[in-house]
Amino acid sequence: MTTLIERLDPEIQKPITTLLNAPAMSFDDLPAARAASRKMMQEMKKRMPPFQGVASNDRKVPGPAGAPDVKLRIYRPEQKSGRLPALLWIHGGGYMLGDLDQEDTICQQYSLSAGCVVVSVDYRLSPENPYPAPLDDCYAGLQWLASHTEDLEVDLARIAIGGASAG
């Protein structure tokens, strides 16, 4: 009998197997859980083919009042011009794990396949930054995106918000 893993495209068999075989993370030691999460994502990314056709750049934008700036990564398909729809992307991790690099590949894929600008938010993590800090950072990213549609060549009427897990 063929297993589910064997039915997957060979390019994603290894990353999925890595994810399924990852040791369970303990949130009793949050720094260790974050390190394990980063390592797992780096290993998966190494096994993915290089991505072509999307330009990206990082930018710091004003955070909420009294808070630090928020780092964003902006993706744009290289072969598209003019005003494009946009997706504000909020990475997964339960507002406790993750960063911009974690979902770099998926943001590139969304940008290319949907022909849109993707703006990914690197929000502050809990518990060091309790609620509502992570959400406030995401909202600051949305406000910046909506107020910079001219510079980004984004259609203000076509901005979506998405993400994985916490996002």
Protein backbone atom coordinates (compact mmCIF):
# COMPACT_ATOMS: atom_id res chain seq x y z
CA MET A 1 0.00 0.00 0.00
CA THR A 2 1.29 3.49 -0.90
CA THR A 3 1.71 5.89 2.01
CA LEU A 4 0.52 9.48 1.89
CA ILE A 5 4.13 10.74 1.89
CA GLU A 6 4.94 8.56 -1.14
CA ARG A 7 2.03 10.16 -3.03
CA LEU A 8 3.46 13.66 -2.59
CA ASP A 9 5.58 15.40 -5.18
CA PRO A 10 9.23 14.35 -4.61
CA GLU A 11 10.25 18.00 -4.09
CA ILE A 12 8.12 18.29 -0.96
CA GLN A 13 8.47 14.77 0.44
CA LYS A 14 11.64 15.63 2.40
CA PRO A 15 10.38 18.92 3.93
CA ILE A 16 7.10 17.30 4.98
CA THR A 17 8.93 14.28 6.42
CA THR A 18 11.24 16.65 8.34
CA LEU A 19 8.24 18.50 9.75
CA LEU A 20 6.43 15.31 10.75
CA ASN A 21 9.55 13.84 12.38
CA ALA A 22 10.49 17.00 14.28
CA PRO A 23 10.77 16.53 18.01
CA ALA A 24 7.90 17.98 19.98
CA MET A 25 8.68 21.47 21.19
CA SER A 26 8.42 22.24 24.86
CA PHE A 27 7.15 25.68 25.71
CA ASP A 28 8.64 25.32 29.19
CA ASP A 29 11.84 26.63 27.58
CA LEU A 30 10.62 29.22 25.08
CA PRO A 31 14.10 30.24 23.82
CA ALA A 32 14.83 26.57 23.03
CA ALA A 33 11.44 26.19 21.31
CA ARG A 34 12.18 29.27 19.19
CA ALA A 35 15.62 27.94 18.29
CA ALA A 36 14.14 24.54 17.36
CA SER A 37 11.48 26.23 15.24
CA ARG A 38 14.09 28.34 13.41
CA LYS A 39 16.30 25.30 12.83
CA MET A 40 13.40 23.25 11.48
CA MET A 41 12.37 26.04 9.10
CA GLN A 42 15.98 26.52 7.92
CA GLU A 43 16.29 22.79 7.22
CA MET A 44 13.05 22.79 5.26
CA LYS A 45 14.09 25.88 3.29
CA LYS A 46 17.42 24.25 2.34
CA ARG A 47 15.50 21.43 0.69
CA MET A 48 13.24 23.72 -1.31
CA PRO A 49 14.28 24.73 -4.82
CA PRO A 50 15.49 28.34 -5.16
CA PHE A 51 12.72 30.79 -5.92
CA GLN A 52 12.84 33.00 -9.00
CA GLY A 53 10.75 35.92 -10.20
CA VAL A 54 10.07 37.82 -6.97
CA ALA A 55 12.00 40.79 -5.61
CA SER A 56 11.93 41.50 -1.89
CA ASN A 57 13.24 44.13 0.46
CA ASP A 58 13.06 44.78 4.19
CA ARG A 59 11.87 48.02 5.69
CA LYS A 60 11.28 49.35 9.19
CA VAL A 61 8.12 51.37 9.66
CA PRO A 62 6.74 53.26 12.65
CA GLY A 63 5.26 50.98 15.27
CA PRO A 64 2.41 51.74 17.62
CA ALA A 65 2.76 54.82 19.84
CA GLY A 66 5.57 54.27 22.33
CA ALA A 67 6.65 50.98 20.70
CA PRO A 68 9.66 50.18 18.52
CA ASP A 69 9.54 50.26 14.73
CA VAL A 70 8.05 47.24 12.97
CA LYS A 71 10.09 45.33 10.41
CA LEU A 72 8.30 44.43 7.18
CA ARG A 73 9.42 42.38 4.19
CA ILE A 74 7.87 43.49 0.91
CA TYR A 75 7.61 41.08 -2.05
CA ARG A 76 6.70 42.02 -5.61
CA PRO A 77 6.57 39.83 -8.71
CA GLU A 78 9.34 41.00 -11.06
CA GLN A 79 7.32 40.56 -14.25
CA LYS A 80 4.27 42.55 -13.09
CA SER A 81 3.90 46.28 -13.39
CA GLY A 82 1.28 48.83 -12.46
CA ARG A 83 -1.09 48.75 -9.51
CA LEU A 84 -1.38 45.32 -7.97
CA PRO A 85 -3.50 43.87 -5.20
CA ALA A 86 -1.71 43.38 -1.88
CA LEU A 87 -1.66 40.81 0.88
CA LEU A 88 -0.61 41.70 4.42
CA TRP A 89 0.91 38.43 5.66
CA ILE A 90 1.09 37.57 9.37
CA HIS A 91 3.42 34.64 10.06
CA GLY A 92 2.36 31.74 12.22
CA GLY A 93 3.69 30.77 15.62
CA GLY A 94 0.92 31.57 18.07
CA TYR A 95 2.35 35.07 18.52
CA MET A 96 5.21 33.39 20.43
CA LEU A 97 7.36 31.89 17.65
CA GLY A 98 8.44 32.75 14.15
CA ASP A 99 9.82 35.61 12.12
CA LEU A 100 9.99 36.95 8.58
CA ASP A 101 12.37 34.24 7.39
CA GLN A 102 10.02 31.47 8.52
CA GLU A 103 7.53 32.09 5.72
CA ASP A 104 9.79 33.72 3.15
CA THR A 105 9.15 30.99 0.58
CA ILE A 106 5.38 31.01 0.96
CA CYS A 107 5.30 34.81 0.64
CA GLN A 108 7.33 34.56 -2.56
CA GLN A 109 4.93 31.90 -3.86
CA TYR A 110 1.86 34.00 -3.05
CA SER A 111 3.37 37.07 -4.67
CA LEU A 112 4.21 35.21 -7.87
CA SER A 113 1.15 32.98 -8.17
CA ALA A 114 -1.39 35.67 -7.23
CA GLY A 115 0.45 38.48 -9.00
CA CYS A 116 0.32 40.63 -5.89
CA VAL A 117 2.48 42.60 -3.51
CA VAL A 118 2.94 40.74 -0.22
CA VAL A 119 3.88 42.67 2.92
CA SER A 120 4.97 40.33 5.71
CA VAL A 121 5.01 41.62 9.31
CA ASP A 122 7.72 40.74 11.83
CA TYR A 123 5.68 41.40 14.96
CA ARG A 124 6.99 41.41 18.55
CA LEU A 125 6.62 38.04 20.25
CA SER A 126 4.80 37.11 23.46
CA PRO A 127 5.19 36.65 26.39
CA GLU A 128 7.98 39.25 26.39
CA ASN A 129 5.56 41.55 24.59
CA PRO A 130 2.11 40.75 26.01
CA TYR A 131 -1.19 41.15 24.24
CA PRO A 132 -2.01 43.31 22.39
CA ALA A 133 1.58 44.12 21.30
CA PRO A 134 1.82 41.52 18.49
CA LEU A 135 -1.57 42.53 17.10
CA ASP A 136 -0.71 46.21 17.39
CA ASP A 137 2.42 45.59 15.29
CA CYS A 138 0.36 43.83 12.64
CA TYR A 139 -2.09 46.70 12.58
CA ALA A 140 0.79 49.19 12.27
CA GLY A 141 1.95 47.19 9.24
CA LEU A 142 -1.54 47.39 7.72
CA GLN A 143 -1.76 51.13 8.36
CA TRP A 144 1.64 51.65 6.73
CA LEU A 145 0.65 49.53 3.72
CA ALA A 146 -2.63 51.40 3.26
CA SER A 147 -0.89 54.78 3.51
CA HIS A 148 1.90 53.87 1.04
CA THR A 149 -0.12 52.45 -1.84
CA GLU A 150 1.27 55.06 -4.25
CA ASP A 151 4.90 54.17 -3.48
CA LEU A 152 4.20 50.43 -3.58
CA GLU A 153 1.95 50.61 -6.65
CA VAL A 154 -0.81 48.85 -4.73
CA ASP A 155 -4.55 49.15 -5.34
CA LEU A 156 -5.97 50.43 -2.03
CA ALA A 157 -9.33 48.76 -2.77
CA ARG A 158 -7.65 45.35 -3.08
CA ILE A 159 -5.74 44.77 0.17
CA ALA A 160 -6.26 41.42 1.89
CA ILE A 161 -4.99 40.13 5.23
CA GLY A 162 -3.89 36.54 5.71
CA GLY A 163 -1.56 34.28 7.56
CA ALA A 164 -0.91 30.89 9.06
CA SER A 165 -1.81 29.83 12.59
CA ALA A 166 -1.76 33.07 14.58
CA GLY A 167 -1.89 34.99 11.33
